[in-house]
Amino acid sequence: MNTLNVLLVEDDPNMRLGCEQAFELSGIPAASVPSAEAAQREIEHNPPAVIVTDMRLGGADGLHLLRWSQARDANLPVIMVTGHGDVTLAVEAMRSGAYDFITKPFASDHLVEVVRRALEKRSLTLEVAELRRRLAQREGAEASLIGRSPQMARVRQLVADVAGKAVDVLIHGETGTGKELVARCLHDLGPRAKGNFVALNCGGLPDNLIDSELFGHEPGAFTGATRRRVGKVEHAHGGTLFLDEVESMPVGVQVKLLRVLQERVVERLGGNQQVRVDTRVVAATKDDLKQRAEAQQFRADLYYRLNVVTIELPPLRERREDIPLLLENFMQQAARRHELPLPELSPADLRHLMAQDWPGNVRELRNVADCMVLGIPHARVDAACGEGPSLAEAVEAFERSLIGEELRRQGGNLTRAAERLRVAKTTLHDKVRKYGLGGRLGEV
């Protein structure tokens, strides 16, 4: 079904004509039939997105059509049109699953408003069904690195290309973008999957402990070292060592790590024996290591040794089209974990969530999904459940995303991006500054 359409079931020719005209003036594609029997034949051949049916029809009535359509598709919105004396029937229809009911006489704009809401609900229902189908069919890198955006497609392709190669990898991305998840995919999809995946947060340990954590120590190496301890590098032999926040690693430890990467040997603290290791190193950083190296805040030789393959993870605000798929996945996980039903999300809620900047990225979205399933108040959930973004906010969010994507495609070249977007270069430059996209600019 390419276009969301309405099926009107009305046996009164004048009423049917009036409704048809209201739909046509509102730009809503609609077809009409005079009976429930004709509606059933139409539904079987061309399923509509919404049914609007009079309660009282010649032959089978609207309630019969409601139950018949609900048996075929429980999520198909059916709007009942009733007379003043049919309140009891209307209540019964709502109990049977009707989306809403309208009492005669009614204004055409009221009919259109109710139908538009039903169309939005149907559109979201179909989108959720498609998202769940996609989630069920995932495999390989797509099973973990979720997203339909071009940015995530490139990340998955790069992961697939290097997972089986004996090369160290640097992952760059903001906090919460999923750097450890990418590292695990590199491990799980390659020949090292049977080995250990060892993770170490370089910023989570005091400087005097990270040396021992990485390289291990012999008995007596320092006060309290009563027995030999194998370090993370050695423990990851045959597997993968993931170094998160590598930018915070002390300079003295950086020198030792560089030697490990070059020679593939490790010496435990307090020992002289060189232990050969076959360990793949995947490092992650939220900073620009090249800039830190130029500022002498990170060893340049270590940066270039790590920077054989770099995977750039986009922030969530630059791939908003992935939010529905991610949110559905996180809500499904939370519902299974807490043994609770999936919450229903309205189109307005989803639009609002997609318009957010998400400074905490995917991690923040996961927290929101947990709160939605648990019914716990959350700032973004509360905002989403209120009014959606204004037209200006929605337009700005779309414009920012469009400009950011075009700048990526053009390698940050403002002139080429302006030509592709068909705007003046000065206008585009103003918008780049307005939306904080200056970091995307290359040679202009």
Protein backbone atom coordinates (compact mmCIF):
# COMPACT_ATOMS: atom_id res chain seq x y z
CA MET A 1 0.00 0.00 0.00
CA ASN A 2 1.78 3.12 -1.25
CA THR A 3 -0.69 5.75 -0.01
CA LEU A 4 -2.57 5.78 3.27
CA ASN A 5 -6.21 5.86 2.19
CA VAL A 6 -9.68 5.91 3.75
CA LEU A 7 -12.60 3.61 2.97
CA LEU A 8 -15.97 5.29 3.56
CA VAL A 9 -19.00 3.01 4.07
CA GLU A 10 -22.26 5.00 3.81
CA ASP A 11 -25.58 4.04 2.21
CA ASP A 12 -26.99 7.60 2.12
CA PRO A 13 -25.86 9.09 -1.24
CA ASN A 14 -25.98 12.69 -0.02
CA MET A 15 -24.03 11.91 3.16
CA ARG A 16 -21.52 9.88 1.17
CA LEU A 17 -21.01 12.73 -1.32
CA GLY A 18 -20.50 15.27 1.48
CA CYS A 19 -17.87 13.12 3.18
CA GLU A 20 -16.13 12.46 -0.13
CA GLN A 21 -15.90 16.19 -0.80
CA ALA A 22 -14.55 16.87 2.70
CA PHE A 23 -11.80 14.29 2.18
CA GLU A 24 -10.97 15.62 -1.28
CA LEU A 25 -10.69 19.22 -0.06
CA SER A 26 -8.40 18.05 2.75
CA GLY A 27 -6.14 16.07 0.42
CA ILE A 28 -7.03 12.71 1.96
CA PRO A 29 -7.24 9.85 -0.59
CA ALA A 30 -10.59 8.11 -0.07
CA ALA A 31 -12.85 5.52 -1.70
CA SER A 32 -16.51 4.93 -0.84
CA VAL A 33 -18.97 2.04 -0.97
CA PRO A 34 -22.69 1.87 -0.03
CA SER A 35 -22.72 -1.35 2.04
CA ALA A 36 -20.76 -3.53 4.45
CA GLU A 37 -20.74 -6.35 1.89
CA ALA A 38 -19.16 -4.07 -0.74
CA ALA A 39 -16.69 -2.86 1.90
CA GLN A 40 -15.58 -6.42 2.64
CA ARG A 41 -14.86 -7.05 -1.04
CA GLU A 42 -12.90 -3.78 -1.28
CA ILE A 43 -10.89 -4.54 1.85
CA GLU A 44 -9.91 -7.97 0.56
CA HIS A 45 -8.55 -6.50 -2.69
CA ASN A 46 -7.27 -3.11 -1.52
CA PRO A 47 -6.82 -2.92 2.26
CA PRO A 48 -7.38 0.66 3.49
CA ALA A 49 -5.53 2.47 6.24
CA VAL A 50 -8.73 3.65 7.98
CA ILE A 51 -12.41 2.67 7.73
CA VAL A 52 -15.20 5.18 8.34
CA THR A 53 -18.55 3.39 8.50
CA ASP A 54 -22.11 4.32 9.36
CA MET A 55 -23.52 2.23 12.17
CA ARG A 56 -26.81 1.52 10.37
CA LEU A 57 -26.52 0.15 6.85
CA GLY A 58 -28.78 -1.84 4.54
CA GLY A 59 -27.82 -5.49 5.07
CA ALA A 60 -24.98 -6.12 7.52
CA ASP A 61 -24.47 -3.17 9.88
CA GLY A 62 -21.37 -1.23 10.84
CA LEU A 63 -20.83 -3.27 14.00
CA HIS A 64 -20.66 -6.45 11.90
CA LEU A 65 -18.12 -4.79 9.57
CA LEU A 66 -16.07 -3.65 12.60
CA ARG A 67 -15.84 -7.16 14.01
CA TRP A 68 -15.08 -8.65 10.59
CA SER A 69 -12.27 -6.13 9.93
CA GLN A 70 -10.87 -6.54 13.45
CA ALA A 71 -10.65 -10.30 12.90
CA ARG A 72 -8.52 -9.60 9.81
CA ASP A 73 -6.39 -6.83 11.29
CA ALA A 74 -6.79 -5.92 14.95
CA ASN A 75 -4.79 -2.71 14.44
CA LEU A 76 -6.93 -1.31 11.61
CA PRO A 77 -8.61 1.90 12.87
CA VAL A 78 -12.39 1.86 12.36
CA ILE A 79 -14.37 5.06 12.98
CA MET A 80 -18.08 4.57 13.62
CA VAL A 81 -20.69 7.16 12.55
CA THR A 82 -23.78 7.00 14.78
CA GLY A 83 -27.07 8.79 15.30
CA HIS A 84 -28.13 10.41 18.57
CA GLY A 85 -30.15 7.35 19.49
CA ASP A 86 -27.26 4.91 18.98
CA VAL A 87 -25.17 5.73 22.03
CA THR A 88 -25.50 2.17 23.37
CA LEU A 89 -24.32 0.78 20.02
CA ALA A 90 -21.44 3.25 19.99
CA VAL A 91 -20.29 2.07 23.43
CA GLU A 92 -20.49 -1.53 22.23
CA ALA A 93 -18.47 -0.60 19.15
CA MET A 94 -15.73 0.98 21.28
CA ARG A 95 -15.61 -2.15 23.41
CA SER A 96 -15.27 -4.19 20.22
CA GLY A 97 -12.19 -2.20 19.21
CA ALA A 98 -13.46 0.84 17.29
CA TYR A 99 -10.91 3.65 17.11
CA ASP A 100 -13.51 6.41 17.67
CA PHE A 101 -17.10 7.36 16.91
CA ILE A 102 -18.72 10.47 15.46
CA THR A 103 -22.29 11.46 16.20
CA LYS A 104 -24.56 12.84 13.47
CA PRO A 105 -24.86 15.64 12.54
CA PHE A 106 -21.19 16.51 12.45
CA ALA A 107 -19.03 19.22 10.90
CA SER A 108 -16.80 18.17 8.03
CA ASP A 109 -13.70 19.58 9.75
CA HIS A 110 -14.42 17.36 12.79
CA LEU A 111 -14.61 14.31 10.53
CA VAL A 112 -11.33 15.24 8.86
CA GLU A 113 -9.62 15.83 12.22
CA VAL A 114 -10.64 12.41 13.59
CA VAL A 115 -9.61 10.69 10.35
CA ARG A 116 -6.22 12.44 10.33
CA ARG A 117 -5.52 11.21 13.86
CA ALA A 118 -6.49 7.69 12.81
CA LEU A 119 -4.22 7.90 9.76
CA GLU A 120 -1.33 9.00 11.97
CA LYS A 121 -1.97 6.08 14.29
CA ARG A 122 -2.10 3.67 11.36
CA SER A 123 1.09 5.10 9.90
CA LEU A 124 2.89 4.62 13.21
CA THR A 125 1.49 1.08 13.59
CA LEU A 126 2.80 0.14 10.14
CA GLU A 127 6.17 1.74 10.88
CA VAL A 128 6.49 -0.14 14.18
CA ALA A 129 5.61 -3.39 12.41
CA GLU A 130 8.32 -2.67 9.82
CA LEU A 131 10.81 -1.82 12.56
CA ARG A 132 10.08 -5.09 14.34
CA ARG A 133 10.45 -7.00 11.07
CA ARG A 134 13.83 -5.37 10.51
CA LEU A 135 14.91 -6.10 14.08
CA ALA A 136 13.90 -9.75 13.70
CA GLN A 137 15.88 -10.12 10.45
CA ARG A 138 19.14 -8.61 11.70
CA GLU A 139 22.31 -10.64 11.60
CA GLY A 140 26.04 -10.04 11.74
CA ALA A 141 27.06 -6.44 12.45
CA GLU A 142 23.51 -5.26 11.78
CA ALA A 143 22.31 -7.25 14.79
CA SER A 144 24.29 -4.97 17.11
CA LEU A 145 24.99 -1.80 15.14
CA ILE A 146 21.40 -0.79 14.53
CA GLY A 147 20.44 1.92 12.07
CA ARG A 148 19.19 2.65 8.57
CA SER A 149 21.22 5.84 8.11
CA PRO A 150 24.06 6.02 5.57
CA GLN A 151 26.47 6.77 8.42
CA MET A 152 25.69 3.51 10.23
CA ALA A 153 25.76 1.57 6.96
CA ARG A 154 29.33 2.81 6.48
CA VAL A 155 30.27 1.87 10.05
CA ARG A 156 28.90 -1.67 9.58
CA GLN A 157 30.73 -2.06 6.28
CA LEU A 158 34.02 -0.94 7.81
CA VAL A 159 33.56 -3.29 10.78
CA ALA A 160 32.87 -6.17 8.41
CA ASP A 161 35.93 -5.27 6.32
CA VAL A 162 38.44 -5.20 9.22
CA ALA A 163 36.95 -7.65 11.74
CA GLY A 164 38.96 -10.52 10.32
CA LYS A 165 42.17 -8.55 9.70
CA ALA A 166 45.17 -8.48 12.04
CA VAL A 167 45.10 -4.72 12.46
CA ASP A 168 44.62 -2.46 15.48
CA VAL A 169 41.67 -0.07 15.34
CA LEU A 170 40.92 3.39 16.72
CA ILE A 171 37.26 4.25 17.38
CA HIS A 172 36.35 7.94 17.65
CA GLY A 173 33.00 9.20 18.84
CA GLU A 174 31.20 11.23 21.46
CA THR A 175 30.26 9.77 24.82
CA GLY A 176 27.38 7.32 24.49
CA THR A 177 27.71 6.63 20.75
CA GLY A 178 28.50 2.93 21.27
CA LYS A 179 32.27 2.67 20.99
CA GLU A 180 32.50 -0.47 23.14
CA LEU A 181 29.68 -2.03 21.12
CA VAL A 182 31.70 -1.52 17.93
CA ALA A 183 34.77 -3.02 19.63
CA ARG A 184 32.75 -6.10 20.61
CA CYS A 185 31.51 -6.46 17.04
CA LEU A 186 35.09 -6.36 15.76
CA HIS A 187 35.89 -9.14 18.25
CA ASP A 188 32.79 -11.28 17.74
CA LEU A 189 32.79 -11.15 13.92
CA GLY A 190 36.42 -12.10 13.49
CA PRO A 191 38.63 -15.14 14.13
CA ARG A 192 39.38 -13.91 17.68
CA ALA A 193 35.82 -14.50 18.85
CA LYS A 194 36.90 -17.60 20.81
CA GLY A 195 39.49 -15.57 22.73
CA ASN A 196 38.90 -13.13 25.57
CA PHE A 197 37.39 -9.70 25.08
CA VAL A 198 39.10 -7.61 27.76
CA ALA A 199 37.91 -4.06 28.41
CA LEU A 200 39.78 -1.42 30.38
CA ASN A 201 38.69 2.18 30.95
CA CYS A 202 41.93 4.15 31.03
CA GLY A 203 40.19 7.06 32.72
CA GLY A 204 38.72 4.94 35.49
CA LEU A 205 41.97 3.98 37.23
CA PRO A 206 44.56 5.97 39.20
CA ASP A 207 47.84 6.51 37.33
CA ASN A 208 49.72 4.23 39.74
CA LEU A 209 47.41 1.28 39.04
CA ILE A 210 46.91 1.37 35.28
CA ASP A 211 50.50 0.17 34.67
CA SER A 212 49.87 -2.97 36.72
CA GLU A 213 46.40 -3.47 35.23
CA LEU A 214 47.75 -3.41 31.69
CA PHE A 215 51.04 -5.27 32.02
CA GLY A 216 50.66 -7.29 35.22
CA HIS A 217 53.29 -7.66 37.96
CA GLU A 218 55.56 -10.14 39.67
CA PRO A 219 55.59 -10.81 43.45
CA GLY A 220 57.39 -8.02 45.29
CA ALA A 221 57.11 -5.56 42.41
CA PHE A 222 55.59 -3.05 44.84
CA THR A 223 54.17 -2.97 48.35
CA GLY A 224 51.26 -5.38 48.55
CA ALA A 225 52.25 -7.38 45.44
CA THR A 226 52.39 -10.79 47.10
CA ARG A 227 51.84 -12.93 44.01
CA ARG A 228 52.11 -12.82 40.25
CA ARG A 229 49.29 -11.09 38.41
CA VAL A 230 48.62 -11.38 34.68
CA GLY A 231 47.81 -8.00 33.11
CA LYS A 232 45.03 -7.14 30.66
CA VAL A 233 47.32 -7.28 27.61
CA GLU A 234 48.43 -10.80 28.43
CA HIS A 235 44.93 -11.91 29.44
CA ALA A 236 43.68 -10.82 26.02
CA HIS A 237 46.18 -13.11 24.24
CA GLY A 238 44.37 -14.62 21.26
CA GLY A 239 41.55 -12.12 21.71
CA THR A 240 40.91 -8.39 21.89
CA LEU A 241 41.99 -5.67 24.32
CA PHE A 242 39.62 -2.70 24.36
CA LEU A 243 41.12 0.50 25.75
CA ASP A 244 38.39 3.07 26.38
CA GLU A 245 39.21 6.75 26.96
CA VAL A 246 42.73 6.08 25.73
CA GLU A 247 43.34 9.84 25.65
CA SER A 248 43.55 9.79 29.48
CA MET A 249 46.37 7.22 29.58
CA PRO A 250 49.48 8.54 31.43
CA VAL A 251 52.43 9.35 29.16
CA GLY A 252 54.71 6.78 30.84
CA VAL A 253 52.18 4.03 30.16
CA GLN A 254 51.79 5.25 26.57
CA VAL A 255 55.47 4.50 25.98
CA LYS A 256 55.07 0.92 27.23
CA LEU A 257 51.88 0.41 25.21
CA LEU A 258 53.67 1.60 22.06
CA ARG A 259 56.34 -1.06 22.58
CA VAL A 260 53.67 -3.73 23.04
CA LEU A 261 52.02 -2.67 19.78
CA GLN A 262 55.33 -2.68 17.90
CA GLU A 263 56.99 -5.78 19.36
CA ARG A 264 53.96 -7.76 20.62
CA VAL A 265 55.79 -8.55 23.85
CA VAL A 266 54.98 -7.54 27.42
CA GLU A 267 57.08 -7.39 30.57
CA ARG A 268 55.33 -7.66 33.92
CA LEU A 269 56.25 -5.05 36.53
CA GLY A 270 59.14 -6.27 38.62
CA GLY A 271 60.09 -8.95 36.07
CA ASN A 272 62.60 -9.35 33.25
CA GLN A 273 60.90 -12.04 31.20
CA GLN A 274 59.42 -10.97 27.89
CA VAL A 275 56.10 -12.63 27.25
CA ARG A 276 54.93 -12.84 23.64
CA VAL A 277 51.32 -11.83 23.12
CA ASP A 278 48.96 -12.11 20.18
CA THR A 279 46.55 -9.41 21.23
CA ARG A 280 44.52 -7.14 19.03
CA VAL A 281 44.16 -3.63 20.47
CA VAL A 282 41.02 -1.58 19.86
CA ALA A 283 41.29 1.90 21.37
CA ALA A 284 38.47 4.38 21.78
CA THR A 285 38.47 8.11 22.34
CA LYS A 286 36.01 11.00 22.43
CA ASP A 287 38.81 13.52 21.73
CA ASP A 288 40.72 14.39 18.57
CA LEU A 289 43.98 12.50 19.26
CA LYS A 290 45.76 14.25 16.41
CA GLN A 291 45.08 17.64 17.98
CA ARG A 292 46.13 16.32 21.38
CA ALA A 293 49.35 14.97 19.85
CA GLU A 294 50.06 18.33 18.18
CA ALA A 295 49.49 20.00 21.57
CA GLN A 296 51.91 17.44 23.12
CA GLN A 297 49.11 16.05 25.29
CA PHE A 298 49.34 12.60 23.67
CA ARG A 299 52.30 10.79 22.15
CA ALA A 300 52.30 11.35 18.39
CA ASP A 301 54.05 8.00 17.70
CA LEU A 302 51.34 6.14 19.64
CA TYR A 303 48.59 8.04 17.83
CA TYR A 304 49.99 7.08 14.43
CA ARG A 305 50.46 3.49 15.58
CA LEU A 306 46.82 3.29 16.69
CA ASN A 307 45.49 5.21 13.70
CA VAL A 308 45.92 2.40 11.16
CA VAL A 309 42.14 2.06 10.82
CA THR A 310 39.81 4.66 12.33
CA ILE A 311 36.07 4.14 12.74
CA GLU A 312 34.11 7.37 13.19
CA LEU A 313 30.85 6.97 15.11
CA PRO A 314 28.25 9.65 14.34
CA PRO A 315 26.33 11.28 17.20
CA LEU A 316 22.64 10.45 17.37
CA ARG A 317 21.59 13.99 16.38
CA GLU A 318 23.24 13.40 12.98
CA ARG A 319 21.29 10.21 12.28
CA ARG A 320 17.83 11.02 13.57
CA GLU A 321 16.26 8.58 11.12
CA ASP A 322 17.71 5.78 13.28
CA ILE A 323 15.84 6.89 16.43
CA PRO A 324 12.59 4.92 15.80
CA LEU A 325 14.47 1.67 15.15
CA LEU A 326 16.76 2.14 18.16
CA LEU A 327 13.89 3.15 20.43
CA GLU A 328 11.82 0.12 19.43
CA ASN A 329 14.80 -2.18 20.03
CA PHE A 330 15.54 -0.68 23.46
CA MET A 331 11.88 -0.79 24.50
CA GLN A 332 11.65 -4.45 23.47
CA GLN A 333 14.75 -5.24 25.53
CA ALA A 334 13.41 -3.33 28.53
CA ALA A 335 9.98 -4.97 28.26
CA ARG A 336 11.56 -8.44 28.27
CA ARG A 337 13.93 -7.55 31.08
CA HIS A 338 11.22 -6.12 33.34
CA GLU A 339 8.45 -8.46 32.11
CA LEU A 340 6.22 -5.52 31.21
CA PRO A 341 4.15 -4.72 28.10
CA LEU A 342 5.50 -2.43 25.41
CA PRO A 343 4.18 1.13 25.81
CA GLU A 344 2.28 2.70 22.94
CA LEU A 345 4.01 5.67 21.35
CA SER A 346 1.97 8.34 19.56
CA PRO A 347 3.18 10.02 16.35
CA ALA A 348 3.54 13.31 18.27
CA ASP A 349 5.72 11.61 20.90
CA LEU A 350 7.97 10.13 18.23
CA ARG A 351 8.27 13.44 16.36
CA HIS A 352 9.29 15.17 19.57
CA LEU A 353 11.91 12.54 20.42
CA MET A 354 13.34 12.74 16.90
CA ALA A 355 13.69 16.52 17.21
CA GLN A 356 15.88 16.32 20.35
CA ASP A 357 19.66 16.87 20.22
CA TRP A 358 20.47 13.85 22.47
CA PRO A 359 23.76 15.02 24.02
CA GLY A 360 24.03 11.59 25.71
CA ASN A 361 23.52 9.89 22.34
CA VAL A 362 22.42 6.24 22.14
CA ARG A 363 23.05 5.67 25.85
CA GLU A 364 20.61 8.46 26.73
CA LEU A 365 18.01 7.07 24.32
CA ARG A 366 18.31 3.65 25.99
CA ASN A 367 17.66 5.26 29.38
CA VAL A 368 14.57 6.98 27.99
CA ALA A 369 13.30 3.67 26.60
CA ASP A 370 13.72 2.05 30.04
CA CYS A 371 11.79 4.90 31.68
CA MET A 372 8.98 4.63 29.13
CA VAL A 373 8.58 0.90 29.73
CA LEU A 374 8.72 1.33 33.51
CA GLY A 375 6.39 4.33 33.48
CA ILE A 376 9.00 6.38 35.37
CA PRO A 377 9.08 10.16 34.83
CA HIS A 378 11.97 11.34 32.66
CA ALA A 379 12.66 14.84 31.35
CA ARG A 380 12.60 13.81 27.70
CA VAL A 381 9.66 11.43 28.17
CA ASP A 382 7.64 14.13 29.92
CA ALA A 383 8.45 16.58 27.15
CA ALA A 384 7.50 14.05 24.49
CA CYS A 385 4.19 13.30 26.16
CA GLY A 386 3.33 17.00 26.13
CA GLU A 387 3.13 19.14 23.03
CA GLY A 388 5.25 18.13 20.07
CA PRO A 389 7.84 20.47 18.56
CA SER A 390 6.61 23.63 16.91
CA LEU A 391 6.72 23.93 13.13
CA ALA A 392 9.79 26.16 13.41
CA GLU A 393 11.58 23.63 15.64
CA ALA A 394 10.77 20.76 13.29
CA VAL A 395 11.92 22.75 10.24
CA GLU A 396 15.19 23.74 11.95
CA ALA A 397 15.88 20.14 13.01
CA PHE A 398 15.32 18.94 9.43
CA GLU A 399 17.42 21.76 7.96
CA ARG A 400 20.31 21.09 10.33
CA SER A 401 20.26 17.38 9.49
CA LEU A 402 20.12 18.09 5.74
CA ILE A 403 23.02 20.56 5.81
CA GLY A 404 25.12 18.31 8.05
CA GLU A 405 24.65 15.32 5.74
CA GLU A 406 25.51 17.35 2.61
CA LEU A 407 28.67 18.71 4.24
CA ARG A 408 29.69 15.14 5.06
CA ARG A 409 29.09 14.07 1.47
CA GLN A 410 31.18 16.99 0.17
CA GLY A 411 34.02 16.44 2.63
CA GLY A 412 33.30 19.74 4.38
CA ASN A 413 33.58 21.78 1.16
CA LEU A 414 31.17 24.69 1.66
CA THR A 415 31.18 25.76 -1.98
CA ARG A 416 30.18 22.34 -3.31
CA ALA A 417 27.62 21.88 -0.54
CA ALA A 418 26.03 25.25 -1.39
CA GLU A 419 25.83 24.25 -5.06
CA ARG A 420 24.19 20.92 -4.21
CA LEU A 421 21.71 22.55 -1.83
CA ARG A 422 21.09 25.38 -4.32
CA VAL A 423 21.63 28.20 -1.84
CA ALA A 424 24.05 31.10 -1.73
CA LYS A 425 27.38 30.29 -0.12
CA THR A 426 26.96 33.18 2.33
CA THR A 427 23.51 31.90 3.32
CA LEU A 428 24.85 28.40 3.90
CA HIS A 429 27.76 29.77 5.92
CA ASP A 430 25.32 31.63 8.20
CA LYS A 431 23.29 28.47 8.72
CA VAL A 432 26.45 26.43 9.43
CA ARG A 433 27.31 28.90 12.20
CA LYS A 434 23.70 28.94 13.46
CA TYR A 435 23.55 25.15 13.82
CA GLY A 436 27.10 24.74 15.15
CA LEU A 437 28.30 22.74 12.14
CA GLY A 438 31.59 24.59 11.71
CA GLY A 439 33.54 21.50 12.71
CA ARG A 440 32.43 19.83 9.48
CA LEU A 441 34.13 22.36 7.21
CA GLY A 442 37.21 21.37 5.28
CA GLU A 443 38.63 23.36 2.43
CA VAL A 444 36.10 25.98 1.42
